[in-house]
PDB file of N, CA and C in Angstrom:
ATOM      1  N   MET A   1     148.469  62.213  37.060  1.00  0.00           N
ATOM      2  CA  MET A   1     149.330  61.257  37.718  1.00  0.00           C
ATOM      3  C   MET A   1     150.478  62.020  38.380  1.00  0.00           C
ATOM      4  N   THR A   2     150.674  61.777  39.670  1.00  0.00           N
ATOM      5  CA  THR A   2     151.760  62.445  40.373  1.00  0.00           C
ATOM      6  C   THR A   2     153.057  61.689  40.144  1.00  0.00           C
ATOM      7  N   THR A   3     154.160  62.329  40.467  1.00  0.00           N
ATOM      8  CA  THR A   3     155.466  61.733  40.219  1.00  0.00           C
ATOM      9  C   THR A   3     155.620  60.389  40.918  1.00  0.00           C
ATOM     10  N   ASP A   4     155.145  60.273  42.163  1.00  0.00           N
ATOM     11  CA  ASP A   4     155.328  59.018  42.882  1.00  0.00           C
ATOM     12  C   ASP A   4     154.435  57.899  42.370  1.00  0.00           C
ATOM     13  N   GLU A   5     153.438  58.198  41.536  1.00  0.00           N
ATOM     14  CA  GLU A   5     152.572  57.172  40.968  1.00  0.00           C
ATOM     15  C   GLU A   5     153.109  56.630  39.644  1.00  0.00           C
ATOM     16  N   ARG A   6     154.117  57.257  39.090  1.00  0.00           N
ATOM     17  CA  ARG A   6     154.675  56.798  37.825  1.00  0.00           C
ATOM     18  C   ARG A   6     155.523  55.563  38.079  1.00  0.00           C
ATOM     19  N   THR A   7     155.373  54.568  37.239  1.00  0.00           N
ATOM     20  CA  THR A   7     156.103  53.324  37.436  1.00  0.00           C
ATOM     21  C   THR A   7     157.549  53.419  36.986  1.00  0.00           C
ATOM     22  N   ASP A   8     157.909  54.480  36.255  1.00  0.00           N
ATOM     23  CA  ASP A   8     159.291  54.599  35.807  1.00  0.00           C
ATOM     24  C   ASP A   8     160.160  55.365  36.802  1.00  0.00           C
ATOM     25  N   VAL A   9     159.577  55.873  37.880  1.00  0.00           N
ATOM     26  CA  VAL A   9     160.332  56.547  38.922  1.00  0.00           C
ATOM     27  C   VAL A   9     160.405  55.603  40.116  1.00  0.00           C
ATOM     28  N   PRO A  10     161.601  55.122  40.445  1.00  0.00           N
ATOM     29  CA  PRO A  10     161.721  54.162  41.554  1.00  0.00           C
ATOM     30  C   PRO A  10     161.232  54.734  42.881  1.00  0.00           C
ATOM     31  N   LEU A  11     160.580  53.897  43.650  1.00  0.00           N
ATOM     32  CA  LEU A  11     160.118  54.282  44.975  1.00  0.00           C
ATOM     33  C   LEU A  11     161.256  54.123  45.974  1.00  0.00           C
ATOM     34  N   THR A  12     161.214  54.922  47.010  1.00  0.00           N
ATOM     35  CA  THR A  12     162.176  54.748  48.094  1.00  0.00           C
ATOM     36  C   THR A  12     161.761  53.531  48.911  1.00  0.00           C
ATOM     37  N   ASP A  13     162.664  53.024  49.732  1.00  0.00           N
ATOM     38  CA  ASP A  13     162.327  51.901  50.600  1.00  0.00           C
ATOM     39  C   ASP A  13     161.180  52.267  51.539  1.00  0.00           C
ATOM     40  N   GLU A  14     161.177  53.506  51.993  1.00  0.00           N
ATOM     41  CA  GLU A  14     160.119  53.964  52.885  1.00  0.00           C
ATOM     42  C   GLU A  14     158.763  53.969  52.177  1.00  0.00           C
ATOM     43  N   GLU A  15     158.738  54.428  50.926  1.00  0.00           N
ATOM     44  CA  GLU A  15     157.488  54.435  50.149  1.00  0.00           C
ATOM     45  C   GLU A  15     157.010  53.009  49.889  1.00  0.00           C
ATOM     46  N   ARG A  16     157.926  52.120  49.558  1.00  0.00           N
ATOM     47  CA  ARG A  16     157.563  50.707  49.337  1.00  0.00           C
ATOM     48  C   ARG A  16     156.966  50.107  50.602  1.00  0.00           C
ATOM     49  N   SER A  17     157.614  50.358  51.712  1.00  0.00           N
ATOM     50  CA  SER A  17     157.165  49.829  52.991  1.00  0.00           C
ATOM     51  C   SER A  17     155.783  50.380  53.362  1.00  0.00           C
ATOM     52  N   GLU A  18     155.583  51.660  53.122  1.00  0.00           N
ATOM     53  CA  GLU A  18     154.293  52.293  53.432  1.00  0.00           C
ATOM     54  C   GLU A  18     153.171  51.698  52.578  1.00  0.00           C
ATOM     55  N   ARG A  19     153.428  51.530  51.291  1.00  0.00           N
ATOM     56  CA  ARG A  19     152.411  50.960  50.406  1.00  0.00           C
ATOM     57  C   ARG A  19     152.065  49.534  50.807  1.00  0.00           C
ATOM     58  N   LEU A  20     153.065  48.735  51.129  1.00  0.00           N
ATOM     59  CA  LEU A  20     152.817  47.351  51.529  1.00  0.00           C
ATOM     60  C   LEU A  20     152.036  47.303  52.835  1.00  0.00           C
ATOM     61  N   ALA A  21     152.372  48.163  53.765  1.00  0.00           N
ATOM     62  CA  ALA A  21     151.645  48.220  55.041  1.00  0.00           C
ATOM     63  C   ALA A  21     150.183  48.605  54.814  1.00  0.00           C
ATOM     64  N   GLN A  22     149.935  49.565  53.936  1.00  0.00           N
ATOM     65  CA  GLN A  22     148.557  49.970  53.614  1.00  0.00           C
ATOM     66  C   GLN A  22     147.786  48.792  53.018  1.00  0.00           C
ATOM     67  N   LEU A  23     148.419  48.081  52.109  1.00  0.00           N
ATOM     68  CA  LEU A  23     147.771  46.950  51.452  1.00  0.00           C
ATOM     69  C   LEU A  23     147.459  45.842  52.447  1.00  0.00           C
ATOM     70  N   LEU A  24     148.428  45.486  53.276  1.00  0.00           N
ATOM     71  CA  LEU A  24     148.211  44.422  54.260  1.00  0.00           C
ATOM     72  C   LEU A  24     147.104  44.796  55.237  1.00  0.00           C
ATOM     73  N   ALA A  25     147.059  46.053  55.649  1.00  0.00           N
ATOM     74  CA  ALA A  25     146.013  46.497  56.570  1.00  0.00           C
ATOM     75  C   ALA A  25     144.632  46.388  55.920  1.00  0.00           C
ATOM     76  N   LEU A  26     144.538  46.731  54.651  1.00  0.00           N
ATOM     77  CA  LEU A  26     143.258  46.657  53.952  1.00  0.00           C
ATOM     78  C   LEU A  26     142.824  45.210  53.739  1.00  0.00           C
ATOM     79  N   ILE A  27     143.766  44.337  53.414  1.00  0.00           N
ATOM     80  CA  ILE A  27     143.455  42.904  53.283  1.00  0.00           C
ATOM     81  C   ILE A  27     142.927  42.372  54.615  1.00  0.00           C
ATOM     82  N   GLU A  28     143.589  42.722  55.705  1.00  0.00           N
ATOM     83  CA  GLU A  28     143.154  42.272  57.031  1.00  0.00           C
ATOM     84  C   GLU A  28     141.765  42.800  57.381  1.00  0.00           C
ATOM     85  N   LEU A  29     141.438  43.976  56.897  1.00  0.00           N
ATOM     86  CA  LEU A  29     140.121  44.560  57.124  1.00  0.00           C
ATOM     87  C   LEU A  29     139.038  43.781  56.375  1.00  0.00           C
ATOM     88  N   MET A  30     139.377  43.265  55.195  1.00  0.00           N
ATOM     89  CA  MET A  30     138.398  42.538  54.373  1.00  0.00           C
ATOM     90  C   MET A  30     138.255  41.069  54.766  1.00  0.00           C
ATOM     91  N   ARG A  31     139.283  40.466  55.334  1.00  0.00           N
ATOM     92  CA  ARG A  31     139.274  39.030  55.614  1.00  0.00           C
ATOM     93  C   ARG A  31     138.100  38.543  56.457  1.00  0.00           C
ATOM     94  N   PRO A  32     137.705  39.239  57.531  1.00  0.00           N
ATOM     95  CA  PRO A  32     136.603  38.714  58.342  1.00  0.00           C
ATOM     96  C   PRO A  32     135.300  38.514  57.561  1.00  0.00           C
ATOM     97  N   SER A  33     135.040  39.355  56.572  1.00  0.00           N
ATOM     98  CA  SER A  33     133.828  39.194  55.763  1.00  0.00           C
ATOM     99  C   SER A  33     133.871  37.899  54.966  1.00  0.00           C
ATOM    100  N   VAL A  34     135.027  37.594  54.411  1.00  0.00           N
ATOM    101  CA  VAL A  34     135.176  36.367  53.630  1.00  0.00           C
ATOM    102  C   VAL A  34     135.185  35.157  54.563  1.00  0.00           C
ATOM    103  N   GLN A  35     135.835  35.288  55.715  1.00  0.00           N
ATOM    104  CA  GLN A  35     135.895  34.193  56.679  1.00  0.00           C
ATOM    105  C   GLN A  35     134.521  33.859  57.246  1.00  0.00           C
ATOM    106  N   ALA A  36     133.647  34.849  57.333  1.00  0.00           N
ATOM    107  CA  ALA A  36     132.296  34.618  57.851  1.00  0.00           C
ATOM    108  C   ALA A  36     131.506  33.664  56.967  1.00  0.00           C
ATOM    109  N   ASP A  37     131.906  33.561  55.703  1.00  0.00           N
ATOM    110  CA  ASP A  37     131.245  32.638  54.779  1.00  0.00           C
ATOM    111  C   ASP A  37     132.044  31.355  54.586  1.00  0.00           C
ATOM    112  N   GLY A  38     133.026  31.108  55.445  1.00  0.00           N
ATOM    113  CA  GLY A  38     133.776  29.864  55.387  1.00  0.00           C
ATOM    114  C   GLY A  38     134.998  29.910  54.489  1.00  0.00           C
ATOM    115  N   GLY A  39     135.393  31.069  54.033  1.00  0.00           N
ATOM    116  CA  GLY A  39     136.559  31.181  53.160  1.00  0.00           C
ATOM    117  C   GLY A  39     137.641  32.025  53.784  1.00  0.00           C
ATOM    118  N   ASP A  40     138.559  32.426  52.960  1.00  0.00           N
ATOM    119  CA  ASP A  40     139.605  33.333  53.414  1.00  0.00           C
ATOM    120  C   ASP A  40     140.168  34.068  52.211  1.00  0.00           C
ATOM    121  N   LEU A  41     140.781  35.196  52.467  1.00  0.00           N
ATOM    122  CA  LEU A  41     141.404  36.021  51.444  1.00  0.00           C
ATOM    123  C   LEU A  41     142.869  36.173  51.810  1.00  0.00           C
ATOM    124  N   VAL A  42     143.749  35.787  50.884  1.00  0.00           N
ATOM    125  CA  VAL A  42     145.180  35.907  51.151  1.00  0.00           C
ATOM    126  C   VAL A  42     145.854  36.710  50.041  1.00  0.00           C
ATOM    127  N   LEU A  43     146.878  37.420  50.428  1.00  0.00           N
ATOM    128  CA  LEU A  43     147.698  38.172  49.489  1.00  0.00           C
ATOM    129  C   LEU A  43     148.816  37.244  49.023  1.00  0.00           C
ATOM    130  N   LEU A  44     148.883  36.988  47.726  1.00  0.00           N
ATOM    131  CA  LEU A  44     149.923  36.127  47.179  1.00  0.00           C
ATOM    132  C   LEU A  44     151.164  36.914  46.785  1.00  0.00           C
ATOM    133  N   SER A  45     150.961  38.077  46.190  1.00  0.00           N
ATOM    134  CA  SER A  45     152.091  38.915  45.803  1.00  0.00           C
ATOM    135  C   SER A  45     151.617  40.345  45.597  1.00  0.00           C
ATOM    136  N   ALA A  46     152.579  41.263  45.688  1.00  0.00           N
ATOM    137  CA  ALA A  46     152.274  42.670  45.465  1.00  0.00           C
ATOM    138  C   ALA A  46     153.514  43.353  44.918  1.00  0.00           C
ATOM    139  N   ASP A  47     153.369  43.964  43.760  1.00  0.00           N
ATOM    140  CA  ASP A  47     154.430  44.788  43.199  1.00  0.00           C
ATOM    141  C   ASP A  47     154.020  46.228  43.457  1.00  0.00           C
ATOM    142  N   VAL A  48     154.548  46.797  44.521  1.00  0.00           N
ATOM    143  CA  VAL A  48     154.122  48.135  44.914  1.00  0.00           C
ATOM    144  C   VAL A  48     154.638  49.205  43.956  1.00  0.00           C
ATOM    145  N   GLN A  49     155.585  48.858  43.119  1.00  0.00           N
ATOM    146  CA  GLN A  49     156.094  49.807  42.119  1.00  0.00           C
ATOM    147  C   GLN A  49     155.100  49.941  40.960  1.00  0.00           C
ATOM    148  N   THR A  50     154.665  48.803  40.404  1.00  0.00           N
ATOM    149  CA  THR A  50     153.749  48.837  39.261  1.00  0.00           C
ATOM    150  C   THR A  50     152.285  48.866  39.684  1.00  0.00           C
ATOM    151  N   GLY A  51     152.000  48.488  40.930  1.00  0.00           N
ATOM    152  CA  GLY A  51     150.629  48.488  41.421  1.00  0.00           C
ATOM    153  C   GLY A  51     149.856  47.222  41.125  1.00  0.00           C
ATOM    154  N   VAL A  52     150.545  46.144  40.759  1.00  0.00           N
ATOM    155  CA  VAL A  52     149.883  44.874  40.466  1.00  0.00           C
ATOM    156  C   VAL A  52     149.864  44.018  41.731  1.00  0.00           C
ATOM    157  N   VAL A  53     148.661  43.600  42.117  1.00  0.00           N
ATOM    158  CA  VAL A  53     148.453  42.836  43.332  1.00  0.00           C
ATOM    159  C   VAL A  53     147.798  41.509  42.962  1.00  0.00           C
ATOM    160  N   GLU A  54     148.248  40.412  43.583  1.00  0.00           N
ATOM    161  CA  GLU A  54     147.653  39.104  43.343  1.00  0.00           C
ATOM    162  C   GLU A  54     147.086  38.564  44.651  1.00  0.00           C
ATOM    163  N   VAL A  55     145.794  38.235  44.630  1.00  0.00           N
ATOM    164  CA  VAL A  55     145.116  37.705  45.810  1.00  0.00           C
ATOM    165  C   VAL A  55     144.475  36.364  45.459  1.00  0.00           C
ATOM    166  N   GLN A  56     144.125  35.627  46.507  1.00  0.00           N
ATOM    167  CA  GLN A  56     143.476  34.335  46.290  1.00  0.00           C
ATOM    168  C   GLN A  56     142.390  34.127  47.336  1.00  0.00           C
ATOM    169  N   LEU A  57     141.255  33.613  46.885  1.00  0.00           N
ATOM    170  CA  LEU A  57     140.192  33.190  47.791  1.00  0.00           C
ATOM    171  C   LEU A  57     140.425  31.720  48.108  1.00  0.00           C
ATOM    172  N   GLN A  58     140.258  31.347  49.371  1.00  0.00           N
ATOM    173  CA  GLN A  58     140.503  29.971  49.796  1.00  0.00           C
ATOM    174  C   GLN A  58     139.323  29.446  50.581  1.00  0.00           C
ATOM    175  N   GLY A  59     139.420  28.200  50.977  1.00  0.00           N
ATOM    176  CA  GLY A  59     138.396  27.569  51.808  1.00  0.00           C
ATOM    177  C   GLY A  59     137.107  27.332  51.044  1.00  0.00           C
ATOM    178  N   ALA A  60     135.988  27.652  51.667  1.00  0.00           N
ATOM    179  CA  ALA A  60     134.676  27.415  51.063  1.00  0.00           C
ATOM    180  C   ALA A  60     134.486  28.198  49.769  1.00  0.00           C
ATOM    181  N   CYS A  61     135.322  29.189  49.531  1.00  0.00           N
ATOM    182  CA  CYS A  61     135.229  29.967  48.291  1.00  0.00           C
ATOM    183  C   CYS A  61     135.486  29.109  47.061  1.00  0.00           C
ATOM    184  N   SER A  62     136.190  27.988  47.237  1.00  0.00           N
ATOM    185  CA  SER A  62     136.498  27.145  46.085  1.00  0.00           C
ATOM    186  C   SER A  62     135.258  26.512  45.479  1.00  0.00           C
ATOM    187  N   SER A  63     134.185  26.394  46.269  1.00  0.00           N
ATOM    188  CA  SER A  63     132.955  25.808  45.738  1.00  0.00           C
ATOM    189  C   SER A  63     131.830  26.831  45.620  1.00  0.00           C
ATOM    190  N   CYS A  64     132.150  28.090  45.822  1.00  0.00           N
ATOM    191  CA  CYS A  64     131.130  29.140  45.807  1.00  0.00           C
ATOM    192  C   CYS A  64     130.911  29.662  44.393  1.00  0.00           C
ATOM    193  N   ALA A  65     129.658  29.767  44.008  1.00  0.00           N
ATOM    194  CA  ALA A  65     129.311  30.215  42.656  1.00  0.00           C
ATOM    195  C   ALA A  65     129.598  31.693  42.425  1.00  0.00           C
ATOM    196  N   VAL A  66     129.723  32.474  43.474  1.00  0.00           N
ATOM    197  CA  VAL A  66     129.942  33.912  43.305  1.00  0.00           C
ATOM    198  C   VAL A  66     131.385  34.340  43.615  1.00  0.00           C
ATOM    199  N   SER A  67     132.302  33.399  43.606  1.00  0.00           N
ATOM    200  CA  SER A  67     133.698  33.718  43.907  1.00  0.00           C
ATOM    201  C   SER A  67     134.267  34.770  42.959  1.00  0.00           C
ATOM    202  N   SER A  68     133.997  34.622  41.670  1.00  0.00           N
ATOM    203  CA  SER A  68     134.539  35.596  40.714  1.00  0.00           C
ATOM    204  C   SER A  68     133.917  36.977  40.929  1.00  0.00           C
ATOM    205  N   SER A  69     132.657  37.019  41.319  1.00  0.00           N
ATOM    206  CA  SER A  69     132.013  38.300  41.624  1.00  0.00           C
ATOM    207  C   SER A  69     132.622  38.931  42.875  1.00  0.00           C
ATOM    208  N   THR A  70     132.953  38.090  43.854  1.00  0.00           N
ATOM    209  CA  THR A  70     133.589  38.586  45.070  1.00  0.00           C
ATOM    210  C   THR A  70     134.943  39.187  44.745  1.00  0.00           C
ATOM    211  N   LEU A  71     135.696  38.523  43.875  1.00  0.00           N
ATOM    212  CA  LEU A  71     137.010  39.032  43.495  1.00  0.00           C
ATOM    213  C   LEU A  71     136.907  40.342  42.731  1.00  0.00           C
ATOM    214  N   GLN A  72     136.042  40.385  41.729  1.00  0.00           N
ATOM    215  CA  GLN A  72     135.957  41.569  40.881  1.00  0.00           C
ATOM    216  C   GLN A  72     135.139  42.683  41.518  1.00  0.00           C
ATOM    217  N   GLY A  73     133.953  42.354  41.974  1.00  0.00           N
ATOM    218  CA  GLY A  73     133.047  43.367  42.490  1.00  0.00           C
ATOM    219  C   GLY A  73     133.362  43.825  43.898  1.00  0.00           C
ATOM    220  N   GLY A  74     134.051  42.980  44.645  1.00  0.00           N
ATOM    221  CA  GLY A  74     134.354  43.333  46.016  1.00  0.00           C
ATOM    222  C   GLY A  74     135.817  43.654  46.223  1.00  0.00           C
ATOM    223  N   VAL A  75     136.648  42.631  46.169  1.00  0.00           N
ATOM    224  CA  VAL A  75     138.067  42.792  46.487  1.00  0.00           C
ATOM    225  C   VAL A  75     138.744  43.807  45.570  1.00  0.00           C
ATOM    226  N   GLU A  76     138.615  43.636  44.264  1.00  0.00           N
ATOM    227  CA  GLU A  76     139.278  44.546  43.323  1.00  0.00           C
ATOM    228  C   GLU A  76     138.758  45.975  43.477  1.00  0.00           C
ATOM    229  N   ARG A  77     137.458  46.122  43.593  1.00  0.00           N
ATOM    230  CA  ARG A  77     136.850  47.453  43.726  1.00  0.00           C
ATOM    231  C   ARG A  77     137.341  48.162  44.987  1.00  0.00           C
ATOM    232  N   ILE A  78     137.403  47.443  46.087  1.00  0.00           N
ATOM    233  CA  ILE A  78     137.846  48.040  47.348  1.00  0.00           C
ATOM    234  C   ILE A  78     139.326  48.405  47.291  1.00  0.00           C
ATOM    235  N   LEU A  79     140.152  47.480  46.800  1.00  0.00           N
ATOM    236  CA  LEU A  79     141.589  47.756  46.747  1.00  0.00           C
ATOM    237  C   LEU A  79     141.898  48.961  45.860  1.00  0.00           C
ATOM    238  N   LYS A  80     141.334  48.972  44.657  1.00  0.00           N
ATOM    239  CA  LYS A  80     141.586  50.091  43.739  1.00  0.00           C
ATOM    240  C   LYS A  80     140.964  51.388  44.248  1.00  0.00           C
ATOM    241  N   GLY A  81     139.826  51.285  44.899  1.00  0.00           N
ATOM    242  CA  GLY A  81     139.141  52.472  45.397  1.00  0.00           C
ATOM    243  C   GLY A  81     139.840  53.134  46.576  1.00  0.00           C
ATOM    244  N   ARG A  82     140.493  52.334  47.401  1.00  0.00           N
ATOM    245  CA  ARG A  82     141.121  52.892  48.609  1.00  0.00           C
ATOM    246  C   ARG A  82     142.620  53.125  48.473  1.00  0.00           C
ATOM    247  N   LEU A  83     143.250  52.428  47.539  1.00  0.00           N
ATOM    248  CA  LEU A  83     144.697  52.600  47.346  1.00  0.00           C
ATOM    249  C   LEU A  83     144.937  53.020  45.905  1.00  0.00           C
ATOM    250  N   SER A  84     145.130  54.303  45.697  1.00  0.00           N
ATOM    251  CA  SER A  84     145.215  54.852  44.344  1.00  0.00           C
ATOM    252  C   SER A  84     146.383  54.318  43.527  1.00  0.00           C
ATOM    253  N   TRP A  85     147.386  53.763  44.169  1.00  0.00           N
ATOM    254  CA  TRP A  85     148.551  53.253  43.450  1.00  0.00           C
ATOM    255  C   TRP A  85     148.318  51.867  42.851  1.00  0.00           C
ATOM    256  N   ILE A  86     147.235  51.199  43.222  1.00  0.00           N
ATOM    257  CA  ILE A  86     146.960  49.862  42.673  1.00  0.00           C
ATOM    258  C   ILE A  86     146.391  50.018  41.264  1.00  0.00           C
ATOM    259  N   THR A  87     147.048  49.366  40.310  1.00  0.00           N
ATOM    260  CA  THR A  87     146.647  49.448  38.905  1.00  0.00           C
ATOM    261  C   THR A  87     145.911  48.210  38.429  1.00  0.00           C
ATOM    262  N   ASP A  88     146.197  47.050  39.037  1.00  0.00           N
ATOM    263  CA  ASP A  88     145.574  45.802  38.590  1.00  0.00           C
ATOM    264  C   ASP A  88     145.508  44.824  39.752  1.00  0.00           C
ATOM    265  N   VAL A  89     144.394  44.122  39.849  1.00  0.00           N
ATOM    266  CA  VAL A  89     144.228  43.083  40.861  1.00  0.00           C
ATOM    267  C   VAL A  89     143.989  41.766  40.135  1.00  0.00           C
ATOM    268  N   VAL A  90     144.892  40.838  40.342  1.00  0.00           N
ATOM    269  CA  VAL A  90     144.787  39.513  39.744  1.00  0.00           C
ATOM    270  C   VAL A  90     144.267  38.592  40.833  1.00  0.00           C
ATOM    271  N   GLY A  91     143.163  37.937  40.565  1.00  0.00           N
ATOM    272  CA  GLY A  91     142.565  37.085  41.581  1.00  0.00           C
ATOM    273  C   GLY A  91     142.395  35.661  41.111  1.00  0.00           C
ATOM    274  N   SER A  92     142.445  34.757  42.066  1.00  0.00           N
ATOM    275  CA  SER A  92     142.220  33.345  41.762  1.00  0.00           C
ATOM    276  C   SER A  92     141.502  32.708  42.945  1.00  0.00           C
ATOM    277  N   VAL A  93     141.060  31.485  42.726  1.00  0.00           N
ATOM    278  CA  VAL A  93     140.404  30.710  43.772  1.00  0.00           C
ATOM    279  C   VAL A  93     141.214  29.446  43.974  1.00  0.00           C
ATOM    280  N   ASP A  94     141.545  29.145  45.224  1.00  0.00           N
ATOM    281  CA  ASP A  94     142.285  27.936  45.544  1.00  0.00           C
ATOM    282  C   ASP A  94     141.354  26.744  45.354  1.00  0.00           C
ATOM    283  N   GLU A  95     141.651  25.953  44.367  1.00  0.00           N
ATOM    284  CA  GLU A  95     140.798  24.814  44.059  1.00  0.00           C
ATOM    285  C   GLU A  95     141.397  23.496  44.540  1.00  0.00           C
ATOM    286  N   ASP A  96     142.332  23.565  45.502  1.00  0.00           N
ATOM    287  CA  ASP A  96     142.947  22.357  46.042  1.00  0.00           C
ATOM    288  C   ASP A  96     141.963  21.535  46.858  1.00  0.00           C
ATOM    289  N   LEU A  97     140.988  22.198  47.458  1.00  0.00           N
ATOM    290  CA  LEU A  97     139.991  21.472  48.238  1.00  0.00           C
ATOM    291  C   LEU A  97     138.959  20.850  47.314  1.00  0.00           C
ATOM    292  N   ASP A  98     138.558  19.628  47.641  1.00  0.00           N
ATOM    293  CA  ASP A  98     137.467  19.046  46.871  1.00  0.00           C
ATOM    294  C   ASP A  98     136.151  19.638  47.369  1.00  0.00           C
ATOM    295  N   PHE A  99     135.105  19.465  46.587  1.00  0.00           N
ATOM    296  CA  PHE A  99     133.821  20.097  46.894  1.00  0.00           C
ATOM    297  C   PHE A  99     133.310  19.699  48.278  1.00  0.00           C
ATOM    298  N   GLU A 100     133.396  18.404  48.634  1.00  0.00           N
ATOM    299  CA  GLU A 100     132.859  17.942  49.914  1.00  0.00           C
ATOM    300  C   GLU A 100     133.581  18.582  51.097  1.00  0.00           C
ATOM    301  N   SER A 101     134.913  18.665  51.018  1.00  0.00           N
ATOM    302  CA  SER A 101     135.682  19.268  52.109  1.00  0.00           C
ATOM    303  C   SER A 101     135.358  20.743  52.242  1.00  0.00           C
ATOM    304  N   SER A 102     135.268  21.410  51.119  1.00  0.00           N
ATOM    305  CA  SER A 102     134.974  22.835  51.129  1.00  0.00           C
ATOM    306  C   SER A 102     133.565  23.086  51.672  1.00  0.00           C
ATOM    307  N   ALA A 103     132.603  22.321  51.195  1.00  0.00           N
ATOM    308  CA  ALA A 103     131.214  22.505  51.632  1.00  0.00           C
ATOM    309  C   ALA A 103     131.064  22.176  53.113  1.00  0.00           C
ATOM    310  N   ALA A 104     131.851  21.205  53.619  1.00  0.00           N
ATOM    311  CA  ALA A 104     131.749  20.803  55.017  1.00  0.00           C
ATOM    312  C   ALA A 104     132.189  21.906  55.968  1.00  0.00           C
ATOM    313  N   MET A 105     132.979  22.855  55.474  1.00  0.00           N
ATOM    314  CA  MET A 105     133.428  23.944  56.323  1.00  0.00           C
ATOM    315  C   MET A 105     132.273  24.849  56.712  1.00  0.00           C
ATOM    316  N   GLY A 106     131.291  24.969  55.827  1.00  0.00           N
ATOM    317  CA  GLY A 106     130.129  25.791  56.113  1.00  0.00           C
ATOM    318  C   GLY A 106     130.468  27.242  56.355  1.00  0.00           C
ATOM    319  N   ALA A 107     129.494  28.007  56.714  1.00  0.00           N
ATOM    320  CA  ALA A 107     129.693  29.437  56.951  1.00  0.00           C
ATOM    321  C   ALA A 107     130.513  29.646  58.212  1.00  0.00           C
ATOM    322  N   GLY A 108     131.596  30.355  58.054  1.00  0.00           N
ATOM    323  CA  GLY A 108     132.442  30.692  59.192  1.00  0.00           C
ATOM    324  C   GLY A 108     133.298  29.556  59.715  1.00  0.00           C
ATOM    325  N   GLY A 109     133.319  28.443  59.030  1.00  0.00           N
ATOM    326  CA  GLY A 109     134.045  27.285  59.537  1.00  0.00           C
ATOM    327  C   GLY A 109     135.508  27.225  59.172  1.00  0.00           C
ATOM    328  N   TYR A 110     135.957  28.090  58.282  1.00  0.00           N
ATOM    329  CA  TYR A 110     137.331  28.011  57.809  1.00  0.00           C
ATOM    330  C   TYR A 110     138.279  28.710  58.773  1.00  0.00           C
ATOM    331  N   VAL A 111     139.310  28.008  59.183  1.00  0.00           N
ATOM    332  CA  VAL A 111     140.344  28.595  60.028  1.00  0.00           C
ATOM    333  C   VAL A 111     141.601  28.685  59.157  1.00  0.00           C
ATOM    334  N   PRO A 112     142.085  29.898  58.882  1.00  0.00           N
ATOM    335  CA  PRO A 112     143.217  30.040  57.984  1.00  0.00           C
ATOM    336  C   PRO A 112     144.491  29.425  58.539  1.00  0.00           C
ATOM    337  N   LYS A 113     145.344  28.939  57.642  1.00  0.00           N
ATOM    338  CA  LYS A 113     146.645  28.399  58.039  1.00  0.00           C
ATOM    339  C   LYS A 113     147.509  29.544  58.528  1.00  0.00           C
ATOM    340  N   GLN A 114     148.323  29.264  59.521  1.00  0.00           N
ATOM    341  CA  GLN A 114     149.191  30.326  60.043  1.00  0.00           C
ATOM    342  C   GLN A 114     150.624  30.035  59.745  1.00  0.00           C
TER     343      GLN A 114
END
């Protein structure tokens, strides 16, 4: 573990900004794959000091049987694999949509809120 990866050594503002930019860029890279299936991937929070990131699957993902696999096998694996400072990925699925609304979006039908 290098000095800048230790959670007890505060990061500079520049290091914090760089880590957040890397994370946002990677999330944006992954979103089209999730959107192609009618869902979306959003970043809810990120503690760039401790490396804990919280993401959420939305849209058609709320009714998808493999949502948890997508979070663990895809999103978490990619984030931890490409950004060495990430220590934990907490994922959830937005269940605000009812099954009919979510299913009606179909593949690629979800347009994320701006």
